[in-house]
Amino acid sequence: MTMAKKSFIAQLRTKPEKRDALIALQTELKNLVFAHEPDAMVYELFQSDDDPDLFQCVATFRDDAAFEKHMHIDFHDRLVPPILECLAEDMTIAFYRSIG
């Protein structure tokens, strides 16, 4: 039996004056994820065409263990608090499993 991939979609609304900082922090996080987490298959930040302060972070991990590793890796712990400080409101996050 194949383990289902674990994915999340997080919506982030940044304070306008913190937009550039959020993009820089998320870009650093993305680069570190790809460099150090081989079981992270997707890690992308998307900016809305209609609202420059609205972002979606989309990630897919090979399995639950890979997601747990991501949540506890040192650079995640270093970068997420300043990312959260950039937000104008609480981040929303939804989890999904791949099918088919």
PDB file of N, CA and C in Angstrom:
ATOM      1  N   MET A   1       0.845  -1.191   0.000  1.00  0.00           N
ATOM      2  CA  MET A   1       0.000   0.000   0.000  1.00  0.00           C
ATOM      3  C   MET A   1       0.887   1.250   0.000  1.00  0.00           C
ATOM      4  N   THR A   2       0.615   2.191  -0.879  1.00  0.00           N
ATOM      5  CA  THR A   2       1.385   3.416  -0.982  1.00  0.00           C
ATOM      6  C   THR A   2       0.878   4.441   0.029  1.00  0.00           C
ATOM      7  N   MET A   3       1.820   5.111   0.679  1.00  0.00           N
ATOM      8  CA  MET A   3       1.447   6.174   1.608  1.00  0.00           C
ATOM      9  C   MET A   3       0.965   7.378   0.802  1.00  0.00           C
ATOM     10  N   ALA A   4      -0.124   7.993   1.251  1.00  0.00           N
ATOM     11  CA  ALA A   4      -0.632   9.176   0.574  1.00  0.00           C
ATOM     12  C   ALA A   4       0.240  10.375   0.904  1.00  0.00           C
ATOM     13  N   LYS A   5       0.485  11.168  -0.083  1.00  0.00           N
ATOM     14  CA  LYS A   5       1.243  12.396   0.125  1.00  0.00           C
ATOM     15  C   LYS A   5       0.428  13.354   0.989  1.00  0.00           C
ATOM     16  N   LYS A   6       1.118  14.136   1.803  1.00  0.00           N
ATOM     17  CA  LYS A   6       0.453  15.126   2.655  1.00  0.00           C
ATOM     18  C   LYS A   6       0.731  16.506   2.090  1.00  0.00           C
ATOM     19  N   SER A   7      -0.324  17.273   1.897  1.00  0.00           N
ATOM     20  CA  SER A   7      -0.202  18.621   1.347  1.00  0.00           C
ATOM     21  C   SER A   7      -0.922  19.613   2.234  1.00  0.00           C
ATOM     22  N   PHE A   8      -0.482  20.860   2.134  1.00  0.00           N
ATOM     23  CA  PHE A   8      -1.243  21.925   2.774  1.00  0.00           C
ATOM     24  C   PHE A   8      -1.302  23.129   1.856  1.00  0.00           C
ATOM     25  N   ILE A   9      -2.348  23.905   2.060  1.00  0.00           N
ATOM     26  CA  ILE A   9      -2.492  25.208   1.427  1.00  0.00           C
ATOM     27  C   ILE A   9      -2.735  26.186   2.560  1.00  0.00           C
ATOM     28  N   ALA A  10      -1.826  27.156   2.677  1.00  0.00           N
ATOM     29  CA  ALA A  10      -1.934  28.175   3.718  1.00  0.00           C
ATOM     30  C   ALA A  10      -2.180  29.523   3.056  1.00  0.00           C
ATOM     31  N   GLN A  11      -3.150  30.238   3.578  1.00  0.00           N
ATOM     32  CA  GLN A  11      -3.419  31.591   3.077  1.00  0.00           C
ATOM     33  C   GLN A  11      -2.816  32.590   4.048  1.00  0.00           C
ATOM     34  N   LEU A  12      -2.034  33.510   3.486  1.00  0.00           N
ATOM     35  CA  LEU A  12      -1.368  34.520   4.293  1.00  0.00           C
ATOM     36  C   LEU A  12      -1.709  35.905   3.738  1.00  0.00           C
ATOM     37  N   ARG A  13      -2.179  36.772   4.616  1.00  0.00           N
ATOM     38  CA  ARG A  13      -2.409  38.167   4.236  1.00  0.00           C
ATOM     39  C   ARG A  13      -1.397  39.005   5.003  1.00  0.00           C
ATOM     40  N   THR A  14      -0.518  39.661   4.252  1.00  0.00           N
ATOM     41  CA  THR A  14       0.545  40.430   4.872  1.00  0.00           C
ATOM     42  C   THR A  14       0.130  41.879   5.106  1.00  0.00           C
ATOM     43  N   LYS A  15       0.772  42.500   6.065  1.00  0.00           N
ATOM     44  CA  LYS A  15       0.658  43.945   6.218  1.00  0.00           C
ATOM     45  C   LYS A  15       1.373  44.547   5.006  1.00  0.00           C
ATOM     46  N   PRO A  16       0.780  45.559   4.368  1.00  0.00           N
ATOM     47  CA  PRO A  16       1.405  46.118   3.153  1.00  0.00           C
ATOM     48  C   PRO A  16       2.867  46.513   3.351  1.00  0.00           C
ATOM     49  N   GLU A  17       3.177  47.085   4.489  1.00  0.00           N
ATOM     50  CA  GLU A  17       4.549  47.523   4.734  1.00  0.00           C
ATOM     51  C   GLU A  17       5.503  46.362   5.022  1.00  0.00           C
ATOM     52  N   LYS A  18       4.960  45.154   5.213  1.00  0.00           N
ATOM     53  CA  LYS A  18       5.769  43.966   5.484  1.00  0.00           C
ATOM     54  C   LYS A  18       5.819  42.996   4.298  1.00  0.00           C
ATOM     55  N   ARG A  19       5.214  43.387   3.176  1.00  0.00           N
ATOM     56  CA  ARG A  19       5.126  42.497   2.013  1.00  0.00           C
ATOM     57  C   ARG A  19       6.504  42.031   1.544  1.00  0.00           C
ATOM     58  N   ASP A  20       7.427  42.962   1.372  1.00  0.00           N
ATOM     59  CA  ASP A  20       8.759  42.586   0.880  1.00  0.00           C
ATOM     60  C   ASP A  20       9.476  41.667   1.863  1.00  0.00           C
ATOM     61  N   ALA A  21       9.303  41.920   3.154  1.00  0.00           N
ATOM     62  CA  ALA A  21       9.925  41.058   4.166  1.00  0.00           C
ATOM     63  C   ALA A  21       9.332  39.657   4.106  1.00  0.00           C
ATOM     64  N   LEU A  22       8.014  39.558   3.959  1.00  0.00           N
ATOM     65  CA  LEU A  22       7.366  38.246   3.862  1.00  0.00           C
ATOM     66  C   LEU A  22       7.892  37.484   2.654  1.00  0.00           C
ATOM     67  N   ILE A  23       7.976  38.154   1.513  1.00  0.00           N
ATOM     68  CA  ILE A  23       8.467  37.497   0.300  1.00  0.00           C
ATOM     69  C   ILE A  23       9.906  37.023   0.505  1.00  0.00           C
ATOM     70  N   ALA A  24      10.737  37.846   1.111  1.00  0.00           N
ATOM     71  CA  ALA A  24      12.137  37.458   1.331  1.00  0.00           C
ATOM     72  C   ALA A  24      12.237  36.265   2.273  1.00  0.00           C
ATOM     73  N   LEU A  25      11.474  36.280   3.359  1.00  0.00           N
ATOM     74  CA  LEU A  25      11.506  35.174   4.323  1.00  0.00           C
ATOM     75  C   LEU A  25      10.983  33.889   3.693  1.00  0.00           C
ATOM     76  N   GLN A  26       9.884  33.979   2.966  1.00  0.00           N
ATOM     77  CA  GLN A  26       9.313  32.790   2.341  1.00  0.00           C
ATOM     78  C   GLN A  26      10.232  32.250   1.246  1.00  0.00           C
ATOM     79  N   THR A  27      10.911  33.131   0.537  1.00  0.00           N
ATOM     80  CA  THR A  27      11.857  32.691  -0.487  1.00  0.00           C
ATOM     81  C   THR A  27      13.026  31.957   0.160  1.00  0.00           C
ATOM     82  N   GLU A  28      13.525  32.488   1.268  1.00  0.00           N
ATOM     83  CA  GLU A  28      14.600  31.801   1.988  1.00  0.00           C
ATOM     84  C   GLU A  28      14.127  30.432   2.472  1.00  0.00           C
ATOM     85  N   LEU A  29      12.913  30.376   3.023  1.00  0.00           N
ATOM     86  CA  LEU A  29      12.367  29.108   3.493  1.00  0.00           C
ATOM     87  C   LEU A  29      12.242  28.115   2.346  1.00  0.00           C
ATOM     88  N   LYS A  30      11.703  28.557   1.226  1.00  0.00           N
ATOM     89  CA  LYS A  30      11.552  27.683   0.059  1.00  0.00           C
ATOM     90  C   LYS A  30      12.901  27.124  -0.392  1.00  0.00           C
ATOM     91  N   ASN A  31      13.900  27.989  -0.491  1.00  0.00           N
ATOM     92  CA  ASN A  31      15.221  27.538  -0.925  1.00  0.00           C
ATOM     93  C   ASN A  31      15.820  26.524   0.045  1.00  0.00           C
ATOM     94  N   LEU A  32      15.645  26.733   1.329  1.00  0.00           N
ATOM     95  CA  LEU A  32      16.152  25.788   2.321  1.00  0.00           C
ATOM     96  C   LEU A  32      15.385  24.468   2.289  1.00  0.00           C
ATOM     97  N   VAL A  33      14.077  24.546   2.082  1.00  0.00           N
ATOM     98  CA  VAL A  33      13.275  23.323   1.967  1.00  0.00           C
ATOM     99  C   VAL A  33      13.803  22.473   0.822  1.00  0.00           C
ATOM    100  N   PHE A  34      13.991  23.079  -0.345  1.00  0.00           N
ATOM    101  CA  PHE A  34      14.461  22.308  -1.491  1.00  0.00           C
ATOM    102  C   PHE A  34      15.888  21.801  -1.306  1.00  0.00           C
ATOM    103  N   ALA A  35      16.711  22.530  -0.559  1.00  0.00           N
ATOM    104  CA  ALA A  35      18.099  22.116  -0.345  1.00  0.00           C
ATOM    105  C   ALA A  35      18.238  21.009   0.692  1.00  0.00           C
ATOM    106  N   HIS A  36      17.333  20.979   1.690  1.00  0.00           N
ATOM    107  CA  HIS A  36      17.531  20.096   2.839  1.00  0.00           C
ATOM    108  C   HIS A  36      16.413  19.090   3.094  1.00  0.00           C
ATOM    109  N   GLU A  37      15.335  19.163   2.336  1.00  0.00           N
ATOM    110  CA  GLU A  37      14.205  18.263   2.563  1.00  0.00           C
ATOM    111  C   GLU A  37      13.854  17.545   1.258  1.00  0.00           C
ATOM    112  N   PRO A  38      14.545  16.448   0.965  1.00  0.00           N
ATOM    113  CA  PRO A  38      14.284  15.752  -0.300  1.00  0.00           C
ATOM    114  C   PRO A  38      12.865  15.186  -0.408  1.00  0.00           C
ATOM    115  N   ASP A  39      12.184  15.010   0.715  1.00  0.00           N
ATOM    116  CA  ASP A  39      10.826  14.483   0.672  1.00  0.00           C
ATOM    117  C   ASP A  39       9.773  15.583   0.587  1.00  0.00           C
ATOM    118  N   ALA A  40      10.211  16.836   0.440  1.00  0.00           N
ATOM    119  CA  ALA A  40       9.289  17.938   0.132  1.00  0.00           C
ATOM    120  C   ALA A  40       9.226  18.035  -1.384  1.00  0.00           C
ATOM    121  N   MET A  41       8.114  17.631  -1.930  1.00  0.00           N
ATOM    122  CA  MET A  41       7.975  17.547  -3.382  1.00  0.00           C
ATOM    123  C   MET A  41       7.575  18.886  -3.997  1.00  0.00           C
ATOM    124  N   VAL A  42       6.809  19.661  -3.249  1.00  0.00           N
ATOM    125  CA  VAL A  42       6.346  20.975  -3.702  1.00  0.00           C
ATOM    126  C   VAL A  42       6.446  21.919  -2.513  1.00  0.00           C
ATOM    127  N   TYR A  43       6.955  23.112  -2.750  1.00  0.00           N
ATOM    128  CA  TYR A  43       6.901  24.184  -1.757  1.00  0.00           C
ATOM    129  C   TYR A  43       6.930  25.483  -2.542  1.00  0.00           C
ATOM    130  N   GLU A  44       5.787  26.116  -2.664  1.00  0.00           N
ATOM    131  CA  GLU A  44       5.653  27.314  -3.502  1.00  0.00           C
ATOM    132  C   GLU A  44       4.849  28.382  -2.780  1.00  0.00           C
ATOM    133  N   LEU A  45       5.193  29.618  -3.059  1.00  0.00           N
ATOM    134  CA  LEU A  45       4.430  30.761  -2.580  1.00  0.00           C
ATOM    135  C   LEU A  45       3.847  31.454  -3.800  1.00  0.00           C
ATOM    136  N   PHE A  46       2.546  31.698  -3.775  1.00  0.00           N
ATOM    137  CA  PHE A  46       1.850  32.360  -4.866  1.00  0.00           C
ATOM    138  C   PHE A  46       1.275  33.675  -4.359  1.00  0.00           C
ATOM    139  N   GLN A  47       1.430  34.720  -5.158  1.00  0.00           N
ATOM    140  CA  GLN A  47       0.886  36.038  -4.826  1.00  0.00           C
ATOM    141  C   GLN A  47      -0.307  36.302  -5.726  1.00  0.00           C
ATOM    142  N   SER A  48      -1.380  36.794  -5.151  1.00  0.00           N
ATOM    143  CA  SER A  48      -2.594  37.087  -5.903  1.00  0.00           C
ATOM    144  C   SER A  48      -2.352  38.169  -6.948  1.00  0.00           C
ATOM    145  N   ASP A  49      -2.910  37.971  -8.132  1.00  0.00           N
ATOM    146  CA  ASP A  49      -2.867  39.005  -9.168  1.00  0.00           C
ATOM    147  C   ASP A  49      -3.739  40.202  -8.795  1.00  0.00           C
ATOM    148  N   ASP A  50      -4.794  39.951  -8.008  1.00  0.00           N
ATOM    149  CA  ASP A  50      -5.772  40.991  -7.683  1.00  0.00           C
ATOM    150  C   ASP A  50      -5.482  41.722  -6.380  1.00  0.00           C
ATOM    151  N   ASP A  51      -4.704  41.104  -5.503  1.00  0.00           N
ATOM    152  CA  ASP A  51      -4.439  41.677  -4.181  1.00  0.00           C
ATOM    153  C   ASP A  51      -2.989  41.370  -3.825  1.00  0.00           C
ATOM    154  N   PRO A  52      -2.098  42.334  -3.941  1.00  0.00           N
ATOM    155  CA  PRO A  52      -0.671  42.059  -3.735  1.00  0.00           C
ATOM    156  C   PRO A  52      -0.302  41.666  -2.308  1.00  0.00           C
ATOM    157  N   ASP A  53      -1.221  41.814  -1.380  1.00  0.00           N
ATOM    158  CA  ASP A  53      -0.952  41.437   0.007  1.00  0.00           C
ATOM    159  C   ASP A  53      -1.484  40.047   0.358  1.00  0.00           C
ATOM    160  N   LEU A  54      -2.050  39.352  -0.612  1.00  0.00           N
ATOM    161  CA  LEU A  54      -2.628  38.031  -0.382  1.00  0.00           C
ATOM    162  C   LEU A  54      -1.758  36.959  -1.044  1.00  0.00           C
ATOM    163  N   PHE A  55      -1.394  35.951  -0.249  1.00  0.00           N
ATOM    164  CA  PHE A  55      -0.509  34.886  -0.711  1.00  0.00           C
ATOM    165  C   PHE A  55      -1.106  33.523  -0.362  1.00  0.00           C
ATOM    166  N   GLN A  56      -0.751  32.528  -1.165  1.00  0.00           N
ATOM    167  CA  GLN A  56      -1.053  31.136  -0.871  1.00  0.00           C
ATOM    168  C   GLN A  56       0.279  30.395  -0.846  1.00  0.00           C
ATOM    169  N   CYS A  57       0.516  29.662   0.215  1.00  0.00           N
ATOM    170  CA  CYS A  57       1.683  28.795   0.298  1.00  0.00           C
ATOM    171  C   CYS A  57       1.178  27.369   0.111  1.00  0.00           C
ATOM    172  N   VAL A  58       1.729  26.677  -0.874  1.00  0.00           N
ATOM    173  CA  VAL A  58       1.294  25.324  -1.216  1.00  0.00           C
ATOM    174  C   VAL A  58       2.491  24.393  -1.058  1.00  0.00           C
ATOM    175  N   ALA A  59       2.293  23.318  -0.310  1.00  0.00           N
ATOM    176  CA  ALA A  59       3.382  22.375  -0.085  1.00  0.00           C
ATOM    177  C   ALA A  59       2.848  20.952  -0.149  1.00  0.00           C
ATOM    178  N   THR A  60       3.687  20.060  -0.656  1.00  0.00           N
ATOM    179  CA  THR A  60       3.367  18.633  -0.667  1.00  0.00           C
ATOM    180  C   THR A  60       4.595  17.872  -0.198  1.00  0.00           C
ATOM    181  N   PHE A  61       4.346  16.952   0.734  1.00  0.00           N
ATOM    182  CA  PHE A  61       5.393  16.121   1.310  1.00  0.00           C
ATOM    183  C   PHE A  61       5.110  14.662   0.995  1.00  0.00           C
ATOM    184  N   ARG A  62       6.161  13.880   0.883  1.00  0.00           N
ATOM    185  CA  ARG A  62       6.028  12.475   0.499  1.00  0.00           C
ATOM    186  C   ARG A  62       5.088  11.711   1.427  1.00  0.00           C
ATOM    187  N   ASP A  63       5.117  12.057   2.724  1.00  0.00           N
ATOM    188  CA  ASP A  63       4.278  11.356   3.702  1.00  0.00           C
ATOM    189  C   ASP A  63       4.235  12.175   4.984  1.00  0.00           C
ATOM    190  N   ASP A  64       3.543  11.648   5.998  1.00  0.00           N
ATOM    191  CA  ASP A  64       3.429  12.346   7.281  1.00  0.00           C
ATOM    192  C   ASP A  64       4.777  12.575   7.934  1.00  0.00           C
ATOM    193  N   ALA A  65       5.667  11.604   7.825  1.00  0.00           N
ATOM    194  CA  ALA A  65       6.986  11.739   8.449  1.00  0.00           C
ATOM    195  C   ALA A  65       7.758  12.907   7.833  1.00  0.00           C
ATOM    196  N   ALA A  66       7.660  13.080   6.535  1.00  0.00           N
ATOM    197  CA  ALA A  66       8.342  14.199   5.879  1.00  0.00           C
ATOM    198  C   ALA A  66       7.755  15.532   6.324  1.00  0.00           C
ATOM    199  N   PHE A  67       6.439  15.575   6.494  1.00  0.00           N
ATOM    200  CA  PHE A  67       5.805  16.801   6.985  1.00  0.00           C
ATOM    201  C   PHE A  67       6.265  17.098   8.410  1.00  0.00           C
ATOM    202  N   GLU A  68       6.303  16.085   9.255  1.00  0.00           N
ATOM    203  CA  GLU A  68       6.750  16.284  10.640  1.00  0.00           C
ATOM    204  C   GLU A  68       8.196  16.761  10.683  1.00  0.00           C
ATOM    205  N   LYS A  69       9.034  16.217   9.815  1.00  0.00           N
ATOM    206  CA  LYS A  69      10.424  16.681   9.741  1.00  0.00           C
ATOM    207  C   LYS A  69      10.450  18.163   9.388  1.00  0.00           C
ATOM    208  N   HIS A  70       9.645  18.559   8.415  1.00  0.00           N
ATOM    209  CA  HIS A  70       9.573  19.963   8.000  1.00  0.00           C
ATOM    210  C   HIS A  70       9.179  20.861   9.171  1.00  0.00           C
ATOM    211  N   MET A  71       8.217  20.423   9.942  1.00  0.00           N
ATOM    212  CA  MET A  71       7.709  21.245  11.042  1.00  0.00           C
ATOM    213  C   MET A  71       8.728  21.425  12.160  1.00  0.00           C
ATOM    214  N   HIS A  72       9.734  20.565  12.229  1.00  0.00           N
ATOM    215  CA  HIS A  72      10.682  20.616  13.342  1.00  0.00           C
ATOM    216  C   HIS A  72      12.128  20.883  12.912  1.00  0.00           C
ATOM    217  N   ILE A  73      12.326  21.183  11.653  1.00  0.00           N
ATOM    218  CA  ILE A  73      13.690  21.443  11.181  1.00  0.00           C
ATOM    219  C   ILE A  73      14.125  22.836  11.652  1.00  0.00           C
ATOM    220  N   ASP A  74      15.409  23.004  11.896  1.00  0.00           N
ATOM    221  CA  ASP A  74      15.898  24.228  12.539  1.00  0.00           C
ATOM    222  C   ASP A  74      15.537  25.506  11.783  1.00  0.00           C
ATOM    223  N   PHE A  75      15.650  25.507  10.477  1.00  0.00           N
ATOM    224  CA  PHE A  75      15.358  26.749   9.753  1.00  0.00           C
ATOM    225  C   PHE A  75      13.874  27.085   9.757  1.00  0.00           C
ATOM    226  N   HIS A  76      13.008  26.094   9.878  1.00  0.00           N
ATOM    227  CA  HIS A  76      11.570  26.358  10.015  1.00  0.00           C
ATOM    228  C   HIS A  76      11.322  27.110  11.307  1.00  0.00           C
ATOM    229  N   ASP A  77      11.918  26.629  12.383  1.00  0.00           N
ATOM    230  CA  ASP A  77      11.751  27.279  13.686  1.00  0.00           C
ATOM    231  C   ASP A  77      12.322  28.696  13.693  1.00  0.00           C
ATOM    232  N   ARG A  78      13.334  28.941  12.893  1.00  0.00           N
ATOM    233  CA  ARG A  78      13.948  30.271  12.825  1.00  0.00           C
ATOM    234  C   ARG A  78      13.131  31.232  11.964  1.00  0.00           C
ATOM    235  N   LEU A  79      12.562  30.761  10.858  1.00  0.00           N
ATOM    236  CA  LEU A  79      11.918  31.646   9.884  1.00  0.00           C
ATOM    237  C   LEU A  79      10.422  31.863  10.112  1.00  0.00           C
ATOM    238  N   VAL A  80       9.739  30.891  10.675  1.00  0.00           N
ATOM    239  CA  VAL A  80       8.281  31.031  10.795  1.00  0.00           C
ATOM    240  C   VAL A  80       7.870  32.169  11.745  1.00  0.00           C
ATOM    241  N   PRO A  81       8.484  32.333  12.909  1.00  0.00           N
ATOM    242  CA  PRO A  81       8.048  33.460  13.756  1.00  0.00           C
ATOM    243  C   PRO A  81       8.124  34.830  13.065  1.00  0.00           C
ATOM    244  N   PRO A  82       9.224  35.178  12.365  1.00  0.00           N
ATOM    245  CA  PRO A  82       9.197  36.477  11.679  1.00  0.00           C
ATOM    246  C   PRO A  82       8.207  36.518  10.506  1.00  0.00           C
ATOM    247  N   ILE A  83       7.940  35.374   9.880  1.00  0.00           N
ATOM    248  CA  ILE A  83       6.897  35.336   8.852  1.00  0.00           C
ATOM    249  C   ILE A  83       5.553  35.698   9.473  1.00  0.00           C
ATOM    250  N   LEU A  84       5.247  35.093  10.603  1.00  0.00           N
ATOM    251  CA  LEU A  84       3.967  35.365  11.261  1.00  0.00           C
ATOM    252  C   LEU A  84       3.853  36.823  11.693  1.00  0.00           C
ATOM    253  N   GLU A  85       4.969  37.438  12.032  1.00  0.00           N
ATOM    254  CA  GLU A  85       4.958  38.856  12.421  1.00  0.00           C
ATOM    255  C   GLU A  85       4.620  39.770  11.244  1.00  0.00           C
ATOM    256  N   CYS A  86       4.780  39.285  10.032  1.00  0.00           N
ATOM    257  CA  CYS A  86       4.454  40.074   8.840  1.00  0.00           C
ATOM    258  C   CYS A  86       2.968  40.075   8.522  1.00  0.00           C
ATOM    259  N   LEU A  87       2.219  39.190   9.145  1.00  0.00           N
ATOM    260  CA  LEU A  87       0.825  38.987   8.753  1.00  0.00           C
ATOM    261  C   LEU A  87      -0.114  40.023   9.362  1.00  0.00           C
ATOM    262  N   ALA A  88      -1.107  40.402   8.577  1.00  0.00           N
ATOM    263  CA  ALA A  88      -2.138  41.331   9.019  1.00  0.00           C
ATOM    264  C   ALA A  88      -3.254  40.617   9.777  1.00  0.00           C
ATOM    265  N   GLU A  89      -3.344  39.297   9.592  1.00  0.00           N
ATOM    266  CA  GLU A  89      -4.372  38.490  10.255  1.00  0.00           C
ATOM    267  C   GLU A  89      -3.842  37.072  10.367  1.00  0.00           C
ATOM    268  N   ASP A  90      -4.529  36.271  11.169  1.00  0.00           N
ATOM    269  CA  ASP A  90      -4.088  34.894  11.342  1.00  0.00           C
ATOM    270  C   ASP A  90      -4.076  34.152  10.009  1.00  0.00           C
ATOM    271  N   MET A  91      -3.049  33.359   9.828  1.00  0.00           N
ATOM    272  CA  MET A  91      -2.939  32.501   8.654  1.00  0.00           C
ATOM    273  C   MET A  91      -4.012  31.418   8.749  1.00  0.00           C
ATOM    274  N   THR A  92      -4.581  31.060   7.606  1.00  0.00           N
ATOM    275  CA  THR A  92      -5.472  29.907   7.575  1.00  0.00           C
ATOM    276  C   THR A  92      -4.728  28.792   6.840  1.00  0.00           C
ATOM    277  N   ILE A  93      -4.940  27.568   7.300  1.00  0.00           N
ATOM    278  CA  ILE A  93      -4.247  26.443   6.690  1.00  0.00           C
ATOM    279  C   ILE A  93      -5.207  25.263   6.605  1.00  0.00           C
ATOM    280  N   ALA A  94      -5.167  24.573   5.471  1.00  0.00           N
ATOM    281  CA  ALA A  94      -5.984  23.388   5.263  1.00  0.00           C
ATOM    282  C   ALA A  94      -5.068  22.275   4.758  1.00  0.00           C
ATOM    283  N   PHE A  95      -5.324  21.056   5.215  1.00  0.00           N
ATOM    284  CA  PHE A  95      -4.507  19.906   4.866  1.00  0.00           C
ATOM    285  C   PHE A  95      -5.265  18.992   3.915  1.00  0.00           C
ATOM    286  N   TYR A  96      -4.499  18.357   3.027  1.00  0.00           N
ATOM    287  CA  TYR A  96      -5.078  17.499   1.994  1.00  0.00           C
ATOM    288  C   TYR A  96      -4.223  16.258   1.812  1.00  0.00           C
ATOM    289  N   ARG A  97      -4.824  15.217   1.255  1.00  0.00           N
ATOM    290  CA  ARG A  97      -4.136  13.986   0.855  1.00  0.00           C
ATOM    291  C   ARG A  97      -4.286  13.823  -0.645  1.00  0.00           C
ATOM    292  N   SER A  98      -3.230  13.366  -1.286  1.00  0.00           N
ATOM    293  CA  SER A  98      -3.331  13.101  -2.708  1.00  0.00           C
ATOM    294  C   SER A  98      -4.172  11.847  -2.927  1.00  0.00           C
ATOM    295  N   ILE A  99      -4.866  11.831  -4.022  1.00  0.00           N
ATOM    296  CA  ILE A  99      -5.671  10.652  -4.377  1.00  0.00           C
ATOM    297  C   ILE A  99      -5.344  10.249  -5.802  1.00  0.00           C
ATOM    298  N   GLY A 100      -5.610   9.013  -6.091  1.00  0.00           N
ATOM    299  CA  GLY A 100      -5.416   8.527  -7.457  1.00  0.00           C
ATOM    300  C   GLY A 100      -3.988   8.179  -7.776  1.00  0.00           C
TER     301      GLY A 100
END
